[in-house]
Amino acid sequence: MSSGCRRSARTWSRAAGPTAAPTDAAERAAGLLRAIGSLMARSKKTIPHYYLSTTLDLRAALAWMEQYNSARPIAERLVPAALLLKASALAVRDVPEVNGFFTEGSFQPSAAVHLSVAVALRRGGLVAPAPHDADTLPLEVLMKQLRDLVSRARGGPFLARIDELLQNPEEL
């Protein structure tokens, strides 16, 4: 791990700007979200980004999903996001030049396909957990992981754990 990835709680607070001493978990979580937002905004300005856009005909996929879901209980049904995530993971695997990361000024390809999923938090904010090896997961498993990630991100334990780690930076 590069030294740039390890940050103390003080570094995170400075990145978010001046903050008052938090008095409870809600204030600390709000400060954490501000820090994350500030760092993401800074990365948007300093890290190369590119965007792809197209129109997809989802009629066949949605018809298949409707038939698939009709034979399953609600808790086991798929949502369109799972189909899009799986299709994206397979496409990334098949076009490896778009799968990787920038480090030390150059693109480093990656064989692993970990796709982030943006999850809007109910209290405001955004997190982007990534199901690992999404290209190799059966659709049912990917859907289960997607539900789990969204539930944990919105349910509080995820943010509580981040807050806990930032209060105890020696664990980072």
N, C-alpha and C. Protein backbone atom coordinates (compact mmCIF):
# COMPACT_ATOMS: atom_id res chain seq x y z
N MET A 1 0.85 -1.18 0.00
CA MET A 1 0.00 0.00 0.00
C MET A 1 0.89 1.23 0.00
N SER A 2 0.59 2.15 -0.85
CA SER A 2 1.40 3.36 -0.90
C SER A 2 1.08 4.24 0.30
N SER A 3 2.05 5.05 0.69
CA SER A 3 1.83 5.91 1.84
C SER A 3 0.72 6.91 1.59
N GLY A 4 0.40 7.19 0.32
CA GLY A 4 -0.67 8.12 0.00
C GLY A 4 -2.05 7.59 0.37
N CYS A 5 -2.18 6.27 0.57
CA CYS A 5 -3.47 5.68 0.89
C CYS A 5 -3.76 5.70 2.38
N ARG A 6 -2.71 5.81 3.21
CA ARG A 6 -2.92 5.79 4.66
C ARG A 6 -3.12 7.22 5.12
N ARG A 7 -4.22 7.47 5.78
CA ARG A 7 -4.50 8.82 6.26
C ARG A 7 -4.94 8.74 7.70
N SER A 8 -4.52 9.68 8.47
CA SER A 8 -4.96 9.75 9.85
C SER A 8 -6.29 10.49 9.90
N ALA A 9 -6.95 10.40 11.03
CA ALA A 9 -8.22 11.12 11.19
C ALA A 9 -7.99 12.62 11.02
N ARG A 10 -6.83 13.13 11.49
CA ARG A 10 -6.53 14.55 11.35
C ARG A 10 -6.42 14.93 9.87
N THR A 11 -5.77 14.06 9.04
CA THR A 11 -5.65 14.33 7.62
C THR A 11 -7.01 14.40 6.97
N TRP A 12 -7.90 13.46 7.31
CA TRP A 12 -9.24 13.46 6.73
C TRP A 12 -9.97 14.73 7.12
N SER A 13 -9.83 15.17 8.38
CA SER A 13 -10.52 16.39 8.81
C SER A 13 -9.99 17.60 8.06
N ARG A 14 -8.66 17.68 7.89
CA ARG A 14 -8.10 18.82 7.16
C ARG A 14 -8.60 18.83 5.72
N ALA A 15 -8.74 17.62 5.13
CA ALA A 15 -9.20 17.56 3.74
C ALA A 15 -10.61 18.13 3.61
N ALA A 16 -11.41 17.99 4.65
CA ALA A 16 -12.79 18.47 4.59
C ALA A 16 -12.89 19.94 4.95
N GLY A 17 -11.80 20.52 5.47
CA GLY A 17 -11.85 21.91 5.88
C GLY A 17 -12.00 22.00 7.38
N PRO A 18 -12.08 23.19 7.94
CA PRO A 18 -12.17 23.36 9.38
C PRO A 18 -13.47 22.76 9.91
N THR A 19 -13.35 22.02 11.00
CA THR A 19 -14.53 21.42 11.61
C THR A 19 -14.46 21.60 13.12
N ALA A 20 -15.61 21.67 13.75
CA ALA A 20 -15.68 21.72 15.20
C ALA A 20 -15.52 20.31 15.74
N ALA A 21 -15.15 20.19 17.00
CA ALA A 21 -15.00 18.88 17.61
C ALA A 21 -16.36 18.19 17.65
N PRO A 22 -16.47 16.99 17.08
CA PRO A 22 -17.76 16.31 17.07
C PRO A 22 -18.17 15.88 18.48
N THR A 23 -19.43 16.03 18.77
CA THR A 23 -19.91 15.68 20.10
C THR A 23 -20.67 14.37 20.13
N ASP A 24 -21.09 13.88 18.99
CA ASP A 24 -21.77 12.59 18.98
C ASP A 24 -21.54 11.89 17.64
N ALA A 25 -21.99 10.66 17.55
CA ALA A 25 -21.74 9.84 16.36
C ALA A 25 -22.34 10.47 15.10
N ALA A 26 -23.50 11.10 15.22
CA ALA A 26 -24.14 11.70 14.04
C ALA A 26 -23.29 12.84 13.49
N GLU A 27 -22.74 13.67 14.38
CA GLU A 27 -21.89 14.76 13.93
C GLU A 27 -20.60 14.23 13.32
N ARG A 28 -20.02 13.19 13.93
CA ARG A 28 -18.80 12.59 13.37
C ARG A 28 -19.08 12.00 12.00
N ALA A 29 -20.23 11.32 11.86
CA ALA A 29 -20.59 10.73 10.56
C ALA A 29 -20.78 11.82 9.52
N ALA A 30 -21.43 12.91 9.91
CA ALA A 30 -21.63 14.02 8.97
C ALA A 30 -20.28 14.60 8.56
N GLY A 31 -19.37 14.74 9.50
CA GLY A 31 -18.03 15.23 9.19
C GLY A 31 -17.29 14.28 8.26
N LEU A 32 -17.48 13.00 8.50
CA LEU A 32 -16.85 12.00 7.64
C LEU A 32 -17.39 12.11 6.22
N LEU A 33 -18.69 12.24 6.09
CA LEU A 33 -19.28 12.37 4.76
C LEU A 33 -18.78 13.63 4.06
N ARG A 34 -18.63 14.72 4.80
CA ARG A 34 -18.08 15.95 4.21
C ARG A 34 -16.64 15.72 3.75
N ALA A 35 -15.86 15.00 4.56
CA ALA A 35 -14.47 14.72 4.19
C ALA A 35 -14.41 13.86 2.93
N ILE A 36 -15.22 12.84 2.88
CA ILE A 36 -15.25 11.96 1.70
C ILE A 36 -15.67 12.77 0.48
N GLY A 37 -16.70 13.58 0.62
CA GLY A 37 -17.16 14.40 -0.49
C GLY A 37 -16.08 15.35 -0.97
N SER A 38 -15.36 15.96 -0.04
CA SER A 38 -14.29 16.87 -0.40
C SER A 38 -13.18 16.14 -1.15
N LEU A 39 -12.81 14.97 -0.66
CA LEU A 39 -11.76 14.19 -1.33
C LEU A 39 -12.20 13.71 -2.71
N MET A 40 -13.46 13.31 -2.82
CA MET A 40 -13.96 12.88 -4.13
C MET A 40 -13.99 14.06 -5.10
N ALA A 41 -14.38 15.24 -4.62
CA ALA A 41 -14.40 16.42 -5.48
C ALA A 41 -12.98 16.77 -5.91
N ARG A 42 -12.04 16.67 -4.98
CA ARG A 42 -10.64 16.95 -5.34
C ARG A 42 -10.14 15.95 -6.38
N SER A 43 -10.49 14.67 -6.21
CA SER A 43 -10.04 13.67 -7.18
C SER A 43 -10.66 13.93 -8.55
N LYS A 44 -11.87 14.44 -8.56
CA LYS A 44 -12.54 14.76 -9.83
C LYS A 44 -11.75 15.82 -10.60
N LYS A 45 -11.14 16.74 -9.85
CA LYS A 45 -10.38 17.81 -10.48
C LYS A 45 -8.97 17.37 -10.88
N THR A 46 -8.39 16.39 -10.18
CA THR A 46 -6.98 16.07 -10.38
C THR A 46 -6.70 14.74 -11.04
N ILE A 47 -7.68 13.86 -11.14
CA ILE A 47 -7.48 12.54 -11.73
C ILE A 47 -8.21 12.49 -13.07
N PRO A 48 -7.55 11.98 -14.11
CA PRO A 48 -8.23 11.90 -15.41
C PRO A 48 -9.51 11.05 -15.34
N HIS A 49 -10.57 11.55 -15.93
CA HIS A 49 -11.84 10.83 -16.01
C HIS A 49 -12.27 10.79 -17.47
N TYR A 50 -12.99 9.78 -17.83
CA TYR A 50 -13.61 9.76 -19.14
C TYR A 50 -14.99 9.14 -19.01
N TYR A 51 -15.86 9.49 -19.90
CA TYR A 51 -17.24 9.06 -19.82
C TYR A 51 -17.65 8.44 -21.14
N LEU A 52 -18.40 7.39 -21.05
CA LEU A 52 -18.94 6.73 -22.23
C LEU A 52 -20.46 6.86 -22.15
N SER A 53 -21.08 7.03 -23.28
CA SER A 53 -22.52 7.14 -23.30
C SER A 53 -23.06 6.44 -24.53
N THR A 54 -24.16 5.75 -24.34
CA THR A 54 -24.82 5.09 -25.46
C THR A 54 -26.26 4.81 -25.06
N THR A 55 -27.05 4.42 -26.01
CA THR A 55 -28.43 4.01 -25.75
C THR A 55 -28.49 2.51 -25.91
N LEU A 56 -29.06 1.86 -24.92
CA LEU A 56 -29.16 0.40 -24.94
C LEU A 56 -30.62 -0.01 -25.07
N ASP A 57 -30.87 -1.02 -25.86
CA ASP A 57 -32.21 -1.58 -25.97
C ASP A 57 -32.32 -2.68 -24.92
N LEU A 58 -33.05 -2.42 -23.86
CA LEU A 58 -33.17 -3.36 -22.74
C LEU A 58 -34.41 -4.23 -22.83
N ARG A 59 -35.16 -4.13 -23.90
CA ARG A 59 -36.43 -4.87 -23.97
C ARG A 59 -36.23 -6.36 -23.78
N ALA A 60 -35.28 -6.98 -24.47
CA ALA A 60 -35.07 -8.43 -24.34
C ALA A 60 -34.62 -8.78 -22.93
N ALA A 61 -33.70 -8.00 -22.36
CA ALA A 61 -33.20 -8.27 -21.01
C ALA A 61 -34.32 -8.13 -19.98
N LEU A 62 -35.14 -7.09 -20.11
CA LEU A 62 -36.23 -6.88 -19.15
C LEU A 62 -37.31 -7.94 -19.29
N ALA A 63 -37.59 -8.38 -20.51
CA ALA A 63 -38.56 -9.47 -20.71
C ALA A 63 -38.04 -10.75 -20.07
N TRP A 64 -36.74 -11.04 -20.27
CA TRP A 64 -36.15 -12.23 -19.65
C TRP A 64 -36.22 -12.11 -18.13
N MET A 65 -35.89 -10.93 -17.59
CA MET A 65 -35.90 -10.73 -16.14
C MET A 65 -37.31 -10.89 -15.58
N GLU A 66 -38.30 -10.38 -16.30
CA GLU A 66 -39.69 -10.51 -15.83
C GLU A 66 -40.08 -11.99 -15.74
N GLN A 67 -39.72 -12.76 -16.75
CA GLN A 67 -40.02 -14.19 -16.72
C GLN A 67 -39.24 -14.87 -15.59
N TYR A 68 -37.98 -14.55 -15.45
CA TYR A 68 -37.13 -15.11 -14.40
C TYR A 68 -37.73 -14.81 -13.03
N ASN A 69 -38.11 -13.55 -12.80
CA ASN A 69 -38.63 -13.12 -11.50
C ASN A 69 -40.00 -13.72 -11.20
N SER A 70 -40.79 -14.01 -12.21
CA SER A 70 -42.15 -14.51 -11.95
C SER A 70 -42.14 -15.86 -11.23
N ALA A 71 -41.07 -16.59 -11.32
CA ALA A 71 -40.99 -17.91 -10.68
C ALA A 71 -40.27 -17.87 -9.34
N ARG A 72 -39.96 -16.68 -8.82
CA ARG A 72 -39.18 -16.56 -7.60
C ARG A 72 -39.87 -15.69 -6.56
N PRO A 73 -39.57 -15.97 -5.30
CA PRO A 73 -40.09 -15.08 -4.24
C PRO A 73 -39.45 -13.69 -4.37
N ILE A 74 -40.10 -12.70 -3.83
CA ILE A 74 -39.65 -11.32 -3.94
C ILE A 74 -38.20 -11.17 -3.50
N ALA A 75 -37.80 -11.81 -2.42
CA ALA A 75 -36.44 -11.68 -1.89
C ALA A 75 -35.37 -12.21 -2.83
N GLU A 76 -35.76 -13.02 -3.81
CA GLU A 76 -34.79 -13.61 -4.73
C GLU A 76 -34.85 -13.02 -6.13
N ARG A 77 -35.68 -12.01 -6.32
CA ARG A 77 -35.85 -11.44 -7.65
C ARG A 77 -34.68 -10.51 -8.01
N LEU A 78 -34.48 -10.38 -9.29
CA LEU A 78 -33.45 -9.50 -9.82
C LEU A 78 -34.02 -8.11 -10.06
N VAL A 79 -33.15 -7.12 -10.10
CA VAL A 79 -33.51 -5.77 -10.51
C VAL A 79 -32.66 -5.44 -11.73
N PRO A 80 -33.11 -4.48 -12.54
CA PRO A 80 -32.35 -4.15 -13.75
C PRO A 80 -30.89 -3.78 -13.48
N ALA A 81 -30.61 -3.18 -12.34
CA ALA A 81 -29.22 -2.80 -12.02
C ALA A 81 -28.31 -4.03 -12.00
N ALA A 82 -28.82 -5.17 -11.54
CA ALA A 82 -28.00 -6.39 -11.51
C ALA A 82 -27.65 -6.83 -12.92
N LEU A 83 -28.62 -6.74 -13.83
CA LEU A 83 -28.35 -7.11 -15.23
C LEU A 83 -27.32 -6.16 -15.84
N LEU A 84 -27.46 -4.87 -15.60
CA LEU A 84 -26.51 -3.90 -16.14
C LEU A 84 -25.12 -4.08 -15.55
N LEU A 85 -25.06 -4.36 -14.26
CA LEU A 85 -23.77 -4.58 -13.62
C LEU A 85 -23.08 -5.82 -14.19
N LYS A 86 -23.83 -6.90 -14.34
CA LYS A 86 -23.25 -8.13 -14.89
C LYS A 86 -22.81 -7.93 -16.34
N ALA A 87 -23.64 -7.29 -17.15
CA ALA A 87 -23.27 -7.03 -18.55
C ALA A 87 -22.02 -6.14 -18.60
N SER A 88 -21.94 -5.13 -17.74
CA SER A 88 -20.77 -4.26 -17.69
C SER A 88 -19.52 -5.03 -17.29
N ALA A 89 -19.66 -5.90 -16.29
CA ALA A 89 -18.52 -6.70 -15.83
C ALA A 89 -18.00 -7.60 -16.94
N LEU A 90 -18.91 -8.23 -17.67
CA LEU A 90 -18.49 -9.10 -18.78
C LEU A 90 -17.84 -8.29 -19.90
N ALA A 91 -18.38 -7.12 -20.18
CA ALA A 91 -17.80 -6.26 -21.22
C ALA A 91 -16.41 -5.78 -20.82
N VAL A 92 -16.23 -5.42 -19.56
CA VAL A 92 -14.92 -4.98 -19.08
C VAL A 92 -13.91 -6.13 -19.19
N ARG A 93 -14.34 -7.31 -18.85
CA ARG A 93 -13.45 -8.47 -18.98
C ARG A 93 -13.05 -8.69 -20.44
N ASP A 94 -13.99 -8.49 -21.35
CA ASP A 94 -13.73 -8.71 -22.77
C ASP A 94 -12.95 -7.57 -23.43
N VAL A 95 -12.93 -6.40 -22.80
CA VAL A 95 -12.19 -5.24 -23.33
C VAL A 95 -11.25 -4.76 -22.22
N PRO A 96 -10.17 -5.48 -21.99
CA PRO A 96 -9.32 -5.21 -20.82
C PRO A 96 -8.65 -3.84 -20.80
N GLU A 97 -8.55 -3.18 -21.94
CA GLU A 97 -7.90 -1.87 -21.94
C GLU A 97 -8.71 -0.80 -21.21
N VAL A 98 -9.95 -1.09 -20.83
CA VAL A 98 -10.72 -0.13 -20.03
C VAL A 98 -10.79 -0.54 -18.56
N ASN A 99 -10.07 -1.60 -18.19
CA ASN A 99 -10.11 -2.11 -16.82
C ASN A 99 -8.75 -1.94 -16.17
N GLY A 100 -8.67 -1.04 -15.23
CA GLY A 100 -7.43 -0.83 -14.52
C GLY A 100 -7.48 0.45 -13.73
N PHE A 101 -6.32 0.99 -13.44
CA PHE A 101 -6.23 2.18 -12.63
C PHE A 101 -4.94 2.93 -12.98
N PHE A 102 -4.91 4.20 -12.61
CA PHE A 102 -3.72 5.00 -12.83
C PHE A 102 -2.91 5.01 -11.55
N THR A 103 -1.62 4.76 -11.68
CA THR A 103 -0.72 4.86 -10.55
C THR A 103 0.63 5.32 -11.07
N GLU A 104 1.23 6.22 -10.33
CA GLU A 104 2.53 6.78 -10.71
C GLU A 104 2.53 7.27 -12.16
N GLY A 105 1.42 7.90 -12.56
CA GLY A 105 1.35 8.53 -13.86
C GLY A 105 1.08 7.64 -15.05
N SER A 106 0.81 6.37 -14.82
CA SER A 106 0.53 5.51 -15.97
C SER A 106 -0.60 4.53 -15.65
N PHE A 107 -1.22 4.06 -16.71
CA PHE A 107 -2.33 3.11 -16.60
C PHE A 107 -1.79 1.72 -16.28
N GLN A 108 -2.37 1.09 -15.27
CA GLN A 108 -2.01 -0.27 -14.90
C GLN A 108 -3.24 -1.15 -15.12
N PRO A 109 -3.19 -2.05 -16.12
CA PRO A 109 -4.34 -2.91 -16.35
C PRO A 109 -4.56 -3.86 -15.17
N SER A 110 -5.77 -4.32 -15.03
CA SER A 110 -6.10 -5.24 -13.95
C SER A 110 -6.89 -6.41 -14.52
N ALA A 111 -6.53 -7.60 -14.10
CA ALA A 111 -7.27 -8.79 -14.53
C ALA A 111 -8.57 -8.94 -13.74
N ALA A 112 -8.59 -8.43 -12.52
CA ALA A 112 -9.77 -8.53 -11.67
C ALA A 112 -10.79 -7.48 -12.08
N VAL A 113 -12.07 -7.86 -12.08
CA VAL A 113 -13.15 -6.94 -12.43
C VAL A 113 -13.95 -6.63 -11.18
N HIS A 114 -13.65 -5.47 -10.59
CA HIS A 114 -14.36 -4.98 -9.41
C HIS A 114 -15.06 -3.69 -9.83
N LEU A 115 -16.37 -3.74 -9.99
CA LEU A 115 -17.12 -2.57 -10.46
C LEU A 115 -17.80 -1.88 -9.30
N SER A 116 -17.57 -0.58 -9.17
CA SER A 116 -18.23 0.19 -8.12
C SER A 116 -19.70 0.40 -8.45
N VAL A 117 -20.48 0.46 -7.40
CA VAL A 117 -21.90 0.74 -7.52
C VAL A 117 -22.19 1.94 -6.64
N ALA A 118 -22.69 3.02 -7.21
CA ALA A 118 -23.01 4.20 -6.42
C ALA A 118 -24.26 3.94 -5.59
N VAL A 119 -24.16 4.17 -4.28
CA VAL A 119 -25.29 3.97 -3.37
C VAL A 119 -25.56 5.29 -2.67
N ALA A 120 -26.74 5.86 -2.93
CA ALA A 120 -27.15 7.09 -2.26
C ALA A 120 -27.56 6.75 -0.83
N LEU A 121 -27.02 7.51 0.12
CA LEU A 121 -27.34 7.27 1.52
C LEU A 121 -28.57 8.08 1.91
N ARG A 122 -29.38 7.52 2.78
CA ARG A 122 -30.64 8.16 3.16
C ARG A 122 -30.42 9.49 3.87
N ARG A 123 -29.30 9.61 4.60
CA ARG A 123 -29.02 10.86 5.31
C ARG A 123 -28.29 11.85 4.42
N GLY A 124 -28.14 11.49 3.18
CA GLY A 124 -27.36 12.31 2.25
C GLY A 124 -25.98 11.72 2.10
N GLY A 125 -25.40 11.92 0.98
CA GLY A 125 -24.07 11.40 0.72
C GLY A 125 -24.13 10.22 -0.24
N LEU A 126 -22.97 9.73 -0.54
CA LEU A 126 -22.84 8.68 -1.53
C LEU A 126 -21.65 7.81 -1.17
N VAL A 127 -21.81 6.51 -1.29
CA VAL A 127 -20.69 5.58 -1.17
C VAL A 127 -20.67 4.73 -2.42
N ALA A 128 -19.52 4.14 -2.70
CA ALA A 128 -19.38 3.35 -3.92
C ALA A 128 -18.69 2.02 -3.63
N PRO A 129 -19.41 1.08 -2.98
CA PRO A 129 -18.81 -0.24 -2.75
C PRO A 129 -18.68 -0.99 -4.07
N ALA A 130 -17.80 -1.98 -4.10
CA ALA A 130 -17.54 -2.70 -5.36
C ALA A 130 -17.61 -4.20 -5.14
N PRO A 131 -18.59 -4.86 -5.75
CA PRO A 131 -18.58 -6.32 -5.73
C PRO A 131 -17.32 -6.82 -6.46
N HIS A 132 -16.56 -7.65 -5.80
CA HIS A 132 -15.32 -8.17 -6.40
C HIS A 132 -15.60 -9.29 -7.38
N ASP A 133 -14.78 -9.33 -8.42
CA ASP A 133 -14.84 -10.38 -9.45
C ASP A 133 -16.26 -10.52 -10.00
N ALA A 134 -16.90 -9.39 -10.28
CA ALA A 134 -18.29 -9.37 -10.74
C ALA A 134 -18.48 -10.15 -12.03
N ASP A 135 -17.43 -10.25 -12.84
CA ASP A 135 -17.54 -10.97 -14.11
C ASP A 135 -17.67 -12.48 -13.92
N THR A 136 -17.22 -13.00 -12.78
CA THR A 136 -17.25 -14.45 -12.54
C THR A 136 -18.43 -14.89 -11.69
N LEU A 137 -19.14 -13.93 -11.11
CA LEU A 137 -20.25 -14.28 -10.21
C LEU A 137 -21.50 -14.64 -10.99
N PRO A 138 -22.18 -15.71 -10.59
CA PRO A 138 -23.50 -15.97 -11.18
C PRO A 138 -24.42 -14.79 -10.88
N LEU A 139 -25.35 -14.53 -11.75
CA LEU A 139 -26.25 -13.39 -11.62
C LEU A 139 -26.96 -13.38 -10.26
N GLU A 140 -27.38 -14.54 -9.78
CA GLU A 140 -28.08 -14.62 -8.49
C GLU A 140 -27.17 -14.19 -7.35
N VAL A 141 -25.90 -14.58 -7.41
CA VAL A 141 -24.94 -14.21 -6.36
C VAL A 141 -24.64 -12.72 -6.44
N LEU A 142 -24.48 -12.20 -7.64
CA LEU A 142 -24.25 -10.77 -7.81
C LEU A 142 -25.40 -9.96 -7.24
N MET A 143 -26.63 -10.39 -7.49
CA MET A 143 -27.81 -9.70 -6.96
C MET A 143 -27.81 -9.75 -5.44
N LYS A 144 -27.47 -10.89 -4.88
CA LYS A 144 -27.42 -11.03 -3.42
C LYS A 144 -26.37 -10.09 -2.84
N GLN A 145 -25.20 -10.00 -3.47
CA GLN A 145 -24.15 -9.09 -3.00
C GLN A 145 -24.59 -7.64 -3.13
N LEU A 146 -25.26 -7.33 -4.23
CA LEU A 146 -25.75 -5.96 -4.44
C LEU A 146 -26.73 -5.57 -3.34
N ARG A 147 -27.67 -6.45 -3.03
CA ARG A 147 -28.63 -6.18 -1.94
C ARG A 147 -27.90 -5.97 -0.62
N ASP A 148 -26.92 -6.84 -0.36
CA ASP A 148 -26.18 -6.77 0.89
C ASP A 148 -25.40 -5.46 0.99
N LEU A 149 -24.71 -5.07 -0.08
CA LEU A 149 -23.94 -3.83 -0.07
C LEU A 149 -24.82 -2.61 0.16
N VAL A 150 -25.95 -2.56 -0.53
CA VAL A 150 -26.86 -1.42 -0.37
C VAL A 150 -27.44 -1.40 1.05
N SER A 151 -27.83 -2.56 1.54
CA SER A 151 -28.39 -2.64 2.88
C SER A 151 -27.38 -2.20 3.94
N ARG A 152 -26.16 -2.68 3.83
CA ARG A 152 -25.14 -2.31 4.82
C ARG A 152 -24.77 -0.83 4.70
N ALA A 153 -24.69 -0.31 3.48
CA ALA A 153 -24.34 1.10 3.30
C ALA A 153 -25.42 2.01 3.87
N ARG A 154 -26.67 1.64 3.67
CA ARG A 154 -27.77 2.49 4.13
C ARG A 154 -28.17 2.21 5.57
N GLY A 155 -27.82 1.05 6.08
CA GLY A 155 -28.27 0.65 7.41
C GLY A 155 -27.48 1.23 8.56
N GLY A 156 -26.33 1.78 8.30
CA GLY A 156 -25.58 2.41 9.37
C GLY A 156 -24.31 1.71 9.79
N PRO A 157 -24.28 0.36 9.86
CA PRO A 157 -23.05 -0.28 10.33
C PRO A 157 -21.82 0.06 9.48
N PHE A 158 -22.01 0.25 8.20
CA PHE A 158 -20.91 0.60 7.30
C PHE A 158 -20.32 1.94 7.71
N LEU A 159 -21.18 2.96 7.86
CA LEU A 159 -20.70 4.28 8.25
C LEU A 159 -20.17 4.27 9.68
N ALA A 160 -20.81 3.49 10.54
CA ALA A 160 -20.34 3.39 11.92
C ALA A 160 -18.93 2.80 11.96
N ARG A 161 -18.66 1.80 11.10
CA ARG A 161 -17.33 1.19 11.05
C ARG A 161 -16.30 2.18 10.52
N ILE A 162 -16.64 2.95 9.49
CA ILE A 162 -15.72 3.97 8.99
C ILE A 162 -15.41 4.97 10.10
N ASP A 163 -16.44 5.42 10.81
CA ASP A 163 -16.25 6.36 11.90
C ASP A 163 -15.35 5.75 12.97
N GLU A 164 -15.58 4.50 13.31
CA GLU A 164 -14.77 3.81 14.31
C GLU A 164 -13.30 3.76 13.88
N LEU A 165 -13.06 3.43 12.61
CA LEU A 165 -11.69 3.36 12.12
C LEU A 165 -11.02 4.73 12.16
N LEU A 166 -11.76 5.77 11.83
CA LEU A 166 -11.18 7.10 11.85
C LEU A 166 -10.93 7.61 13.27
N GLN A 167 -11.66 7.09 14.23
CA GLN A 167 -11.42 7.44 15.62
C GLN A 167 -10.23 6.66 16.18
N ASN A 168 -9.87 5.56 15.52
CA ASN A 168 -8.75 4.72 15.93
C ASN A 168 -7.82 4.51 14.72
N PRO A 169 -7.12 5.55 14.30
CA PRO A 169 -6.34 5.47 13.06
C PRO A 169 -5.23 4.44 13.09
N GLU A 170 -4.85 3.95 14.25
CA GLU A 170 -3.83 2.90 14.28
C GLU A 170 -4.32 1.62 13.63
N GLU A 171 -5.64 1.46 13.46
CA GLU A 171 -6.20 0.29 12.79
C GLU A 171 -6.16 0.43 11.26
N LEU A 172 -5.90 1.63 10.77
CA LEU A 172 -5.88 1.84 9.32
C LEU A 172 -4.67 1.24 8.67
